[in-house]
């Protein structure tokens, strides 16, 4: 039963749970997609047990794969270190996010105006030089 032991139990808990849930979602979506393919979607009613067995086998294989993905040494160490690094991140306050967003929007509008001015100037110069026909703008 050593194979079913959790590697460094309690460390990296949230990242491991999130990873296992994401992998479970991928497995479920894969099973749904596979069962929608023509060989399985057109099964006669007496062979519906094939779908049930397939769901159980693929679900069990996905569960084992997800368990191994979050409990093998290398991936588990990565997840543990990821969670410890995320705890060190300085998350900005609401006011910092609002002020930074205002600055980004203002600078985006400023650059858009500058690009418009440069583009308009090039059109005027190229029209004056005869490269562009008159009446483009």
C-alpha atoms as a PDB file:
ATOM      1  CA  UNK A   1       0.000   0.000   0.000  1.00  0.00           C
ATOM      2  CA  UNK A   2       3.027   2.282  -0.143  1.00  0.00           C
ATOM      3  CA  UNK A   3       2.085   3.114  -3.733  1.00  0.00           C
ATOM      4  CA  UNK A   4      -1.153   4.694  -2.508  1.00  0.00           C
ATOM      5  CA  UNK A   5       0.639   6.927   0.023  1.00  0.00           C
ATOM      6  CA  UNK A   6       0.501  10.643  -0.699  1.00  0.00           C
ATOM      7  CA  UNK A   7       3.916  12.124  -1.456  1.00  0.00           C
ATOM      8  CA  UNK A   8       4.671  14.811   1.165  1.00  0.00           C
ATOM      9  CA  UNK A   9       1.124  14.881   2.431  1.00  0.00           C
ATOM     10  CA  UNK A  10      -0.203  18.353   3.216  1.00  0.00           C
ATOM     11  CA  UNK A  11       2.360  20.222   1.129  1.00  0.00           C
ATOM     12  CA  UNK A  12       1.203  21.911  -2.050  1.00  0.00           C
ATOM     13  CA  UNK A  13      -2.334  20.903  -1.180  1.00  0.00           C
ATOM     14  CA  UNK A  14      -4.261  23.535  -3.144  1.00  0.00           C
ATOM     15  CA  UNK A  15      -2.161  23.256  -6.299  1.00  0.00           C
ATOM     16  CA  UNK A  16      -2.481  19.473  -6.212  1.00  0.00           C
ATOM     17  CA  UNK A  17      -6.253  19.640  -5.708  1.00  0.00           C
ATOM     18  CA  UNK A  18      -6.605  22.137  -8.547  1.00  0.00           C
ATOM     19  CA  UNK A  19      -4.425  20.023 -10.828  1.00  0.00           C
ATOM     20  CA  UNK A  20      -6.359  16.862 -10.017  1.00  0.00           C
ATOM     21  CA  UNK A  21      -9.662  18.645 -10.668  1.00  0.00           C
ATOM     22  CA  UNK A  22      -8.406  20.007 -14.000  1.00  0.00           C
ATOM     23  CA  UNK A  23      -7.179  16.567 -15.038  1.00  0.00           C
ATOM     24  CA  UNK A  24     -10.524  15.078 -14.004  1.00  0.00           C
ATOM     25  CA  UNK A  25     -12.311  17.640 -16.162  1.00  0.00           C
ATOM     26  CA  UNK A  26     -10.078  16.763 -19.117  1.00  0.00           C
ATOM     27  CA  UNK A  27     -10.830  13.057 -18.619  1.00  0.00           C
ATOM     28  CA  UNK A  28     -14.593  13.677 -18.410  1.00  0.00           C
ATOM     29  CA  UNK A  29     -14.524  15.879 -21.508  1.00  0.00           C
ATOM     30  CA  UNK A  30     -12.485  13.240 -23.328  1.00  0.00           C
ATOM     31  CA  UNK A  31     -14.955  10.504 -22.419  1.00  0.00           C
ATOM     32  CA  UNK A  32     -17.902  12.640 -23.534  1.00  0.00           C
ATOM     33  CA  UNK A  33     -16.147  13.419 -26.815  1.00  0.00           C
ATOM     34  CA  UNK A  34     -15.217   9.781 -27.394  1.00  0.00           C
ATOM     35  CA  UNK A  35     -18.750   8.566 -26.731  1.00  0.00           C
ATOM     36  CA  UNK A  36     -20.063  11.108 -29.219  1.00  0.00           C
ATOM     37  CA  UNK A  37     -17.994   9.603 -32.040  1.00  0.00           C
ATOM     38  CA  UNK A  38     -19.892   7.503 -34.567  1.00  0.00           C
ATOM     39  CA  UNK A  39     -18.942   3.957 -33.482  1.00  0.00           C
ATOM     40  CA  UNK A  40     -20.247   4.618 -29.971  1.00  0.00           C
ATOM     41  CA  UNK A  41     -23.106   6.976 -30.755  1.00  0.00           C
ATOM     42  CA  UNK A  42     -24.797   4.473 -33.074  1.00  0.00           C
ATOM     43  CA  UNK A  43     -24.655   1.434 -30.780  1.00  0.00           C
ATOM     44  CA  UNK A  44     -27.747  -0.705 -30.731  1.00  0.00           C
ATOM     45  CA  UNK A  45     -29.715  -0.594 -27.455  1.00  0.00           C
ATOM     46  CA  UNK A  46     -28.664  -4.126 -26.474  1.00  0.00           C
ATOM     47  CA  UNK A  47     -24.981  -3.022 -26.537  1.00  0.00           C
ATOM     48  CA  UNK A  48     -25.346   0.014 -24.266  1.00  0.00           C
ATOM     49  CA  UNK A  49     -23.384  -1.922 -21.646  1.00  0.00           C
ATOM     50  CA  UNK A  50     -20.310  -1.372 -23.844  1.00  0.00           C
ATOM     51  CA  UNK A  51     -20.630   2.369 -23.227  1.00  0.00           C
ATOM     52  CA  UNK A  52     -20.993   1.802 -19.487  1.00  0.00           C
ATOM     53  CA  UNK A  53     -17.904  -0.417 -19.340  1.00  0.00           C
ATOM     54  CA  UNK A  54     -15.962   2.054 -21.463  1.00  0.00           C
ATOM     55  CA  UNK A  55     -16.941   4.921 -19.170  1.00  0.00           C
ATOM     56  CA  UNK A  56     -15.883   2.943 -16.098  1.00  0.00           C
ATOM     57  CA  UNK A  57     -12.562   1.824 -17.592  1.00  0.00           C
ATOM     58  CA  UNK A  58     -11.626   5.244 -18.940  1.00  0.00           C
ATOM     59  CA  UNK A  59     -12.791   6.962 -15.752  1.00  0.00           C
ATOM     60  CA  UNK A  60     -10.719   4.600 -13.608  1.00  0.00           C
ATOM     61  CA  UNK A  61      -7.690   5.038 -15.873  1.00  0.00           C
ATOM     62  CA  UNK A  62      -8.117   8.811 -15.683  1.00  0.00           C
ATOM     63  CA  UNK A  63      -8.425   8.720 -11.901  1.00  0.00           C
ATOM     64  CA  UNK A  64      -5.252   6.627 -11.588  1.00  0.00           C
ATOM     65  CA  UNK A  65      -3.479   8.945 -14.009  1.00  0.00           C
ATOM     66  CA  UNK A  66      -4.558  12.042 -12.074  1.00  0.00           C
ATOM     67  CA  UNK A  67      -3.505  10.443  -8.785  1.00  0.00           C
ATOM     68  CA  UNK A  68      -0.093   9.597 -10.189  1.00  0.00           C
ATOM     69  CA  UNK A  69       0.284  13.029 -11.778  1.00  0.00           C
ATOM     70  CA  UNK A  70      -0.077  14.753  -8.417  1.00  0.00           C
ATOM     71  CA  UNK A  71       1.774  12.173  -6.314  1.00  0.00           C
ATOM     72  CA  UNK A  72       4.843  11.165  -8.294  1.00  0.00           C
ATOM     73  CA  UNK A  73       7.958  12.789  -6.893  1.00  0.00           C
ATOM     74  CA  UNK A  74       8.878  15.226  -9.691  1.00  0.00           C
ATOM     75  CA  UNK A  75       5.417  16.635 -10.450  1.00  0.00           C
ATOM     76  CA  UNK A  76       4.550  16.783  -6.738  1.00  0.00           C
ATOM     77  CA  UNK A  77       7.769  18.664  -5.944  1.00  0.00           C
ATOM     78  CA  UNK A  78       6.975  21.115  -8.731  1.00  0.00           C
ATOM     79  CA  UNK A  79       3.484  21.700  -7.346  1.00  0.00           C
ATOM     80  CA  UNK A  80       4.780  22.096  -3.792  1.00  0.00           C
ATOM     81  CA  UNK A  81       7.344  24.666  -4.932  1.00  0.00           C
ATOM     82  CA  UNK A  82       4.750  26.451  -7.054  1.00  0.00           C
ATOM     83  CA  UNK A  83       2.422  26.865  -4.113  1.00  0.00           C
ATOM     84  CA  UNK A  84       5.227  28.068  -1.838  1.00  0.00           C
ATOM     85  CA  UNK A  85       6.278  30.657  -4.439  1.00  0.00           C
ATOM     86  CA  UNK A  86       2.694  31.840  -4.900  1.00  0.00           C
ATOM     87  CA  UNK A  87       2.498  32.510  -1.170  1.00  0.00           C
ATOM     88  CA  UNK A  88       5.450  34.914  -1.556  1.00  0.00           C
ATOM     89  CA  UNK A  89       3.767  36.973  -4.276  1.00  0.00           C
ATOM     90  CA  UNK A  90       2.720  40.498  -3.342  1.00  0.00           C
ATOM     91  CA  UNK A  91      -0.847  40.837  -4.551  1.00  0.00           C
ATOM     92  CA  UNK A  92      -1.861  44.448  -5.245  1.00  0.00           C
ATOM     93  CA  UNK A  93      -4.686  46.109  -3.385  1.00  0.00           C
ATOM     94  CA  UNK A  94      -7.929  47.084  -5.082  1.00  0.00           C
ATOM     95  CA  UNK A  95      -6.841  50.730  -5.254  1.00  0.00           C
ATOM     96  CA  UNK A  96      -3.501  49.780  -6.866  1.00  0.00           C
ATOM     97  CA  UNK A  97      -5.313  47.707  -9.501  1.00  0.00           C
ATOM     98  CA  UNK A  98      -7.742  50.545 -10.262  1.00  0.00           C
ATOM     99  CA  UNK A  99      -4.993  53.160 -10.608  1.00  0.00           C
ATOM    100  CA  UNK A 100      -2.850  50.857 -12.760  1.00  0.00           C
ATOM    101  CA  UNK A 101      -5.844  50.113 -14.988  1.00  0.00           C
ATOM    102  CA  UNK A 102      -6.512  53.835 -15.424  1.00  0.00           C
ATOM    103  CA  UNK A 103      -2.881  54.389 -16.463  1.00  0.00           C
ATOM    104  CA  UNK A 104      -3.000  51.520 -18.956  1.00  0.00           C
ATOM    105  CA  UNK A 105      -6.235  52.784 -20.527  1.00  0.00           C
ATOM    106  CA  UNK A 106      -4.887  56.352 -20.724  1.00  0.00           C
ATOM    107  CA  UNK A 107      -1.613  55.247 -22.332  1.00  0.00           C
ATOM    108  CA  UNK A 108      -3.469  52.994 -24.774  1.00  0.00           C
ATOM    109  CA  UNK A 109      -5.644  55.905 -25.895  1.00  0.00           C
ATOM    110  CA  UNK A 110      -2.576  58.166 -26.160  1.00  0.00           C
ATOM    111  CA  UNK A 111      -0.717  55.651 -28.343  1.00  0.00           C
ATOM    112  CA  UNK A 112      -3.832  55.137 -30.487  1.00  0.00           C
ATOM    113  CA  UNK A 113      -4.052  58.887 -31.080  1.00  0.00           C
ATOM    114  CA  UNK A 114      -0.325  59.056 -31.899  1.00  0.00           C
ATOM    115  CA  UNK A 115      -0.602  56.180 -34.366  1.00  0.00           C
ATOM    116  CA  UNK A 116      -3.611  57.847 -35.981  1.00  0.00           C
ATOM    117  CA  UNK A 117      -1.667  61.111 -36.317  1.00  0.00           C
ATOM    118  CA  UNK A 118       1.363  59.384 -37.857  1.00  0.00           C
ATOM    119  CA  UNK A 119      -0.839  57.356 -40.243  1.00  0.00           C
ATOM    120  CA  UNK A 120      -2.780  60.453 -41.272  1.00  0.00           C
ATOM    121  CA  UNK A 121       0.490  62.335 -41.830  1.00  0.00           C
ATOM    122  CA  UNK A 122       1.888  59.548 -44.026  1.00  0.00           C
ATOM    123  CA  UNK A 123      -1.313  59.502 -46.100  1.00  0.00           C
ATOM    124  CA  UNK A 124      -1.121  63.261 -46.612  1.00  0.00           C
ATOM    125  CA  UNK A 125       2.593  63.135 -47.546  1.00  0.00           C
ATOM    126  CA  UNK A 126       2.125  60.187 -49.942  1.00  0.00           C
ATOM    127  CA  UNK A 127      -0.881  61.905 -51.532  1.00  0.00           C
ATOM    128  CA  UNK A 128       1.167  65.116 -51.969  1.00  0.00           C
ATOM    129  CA  UNK A 129       4.022  63.063 -53.543  1.00  0.00           C
ATOM    130  CA  UNK A 130       1.582  61.396 -55.932  1.00  0.00           C
ATOM    131  CA  UNK A 131       2.075  57.882 -54.594  1.00  0.00           C
ATOM    132  CA  UNK A 132      -1.514  57.648 -53.368  1.00  0.00           C
ATOM    133  CA  UNK A 133      -4.421  58.913 -55.487  1.00  0.00           C
ATOM    134  CA  UNK A 134      -6.270  62.030 -54.328  1.00  0.00           C
ATOM    135  CA  UNK A 135      -9.430  61.493 -52.342  1.00  0.00           C
ATOM    136  CA  UNK A 136      -8.157  58.602 -50.161  1.00  0.00           C
ATOM    137  CA  UNK A 137      -9.131  60.642 -47.149  1.00  0.00           C
END
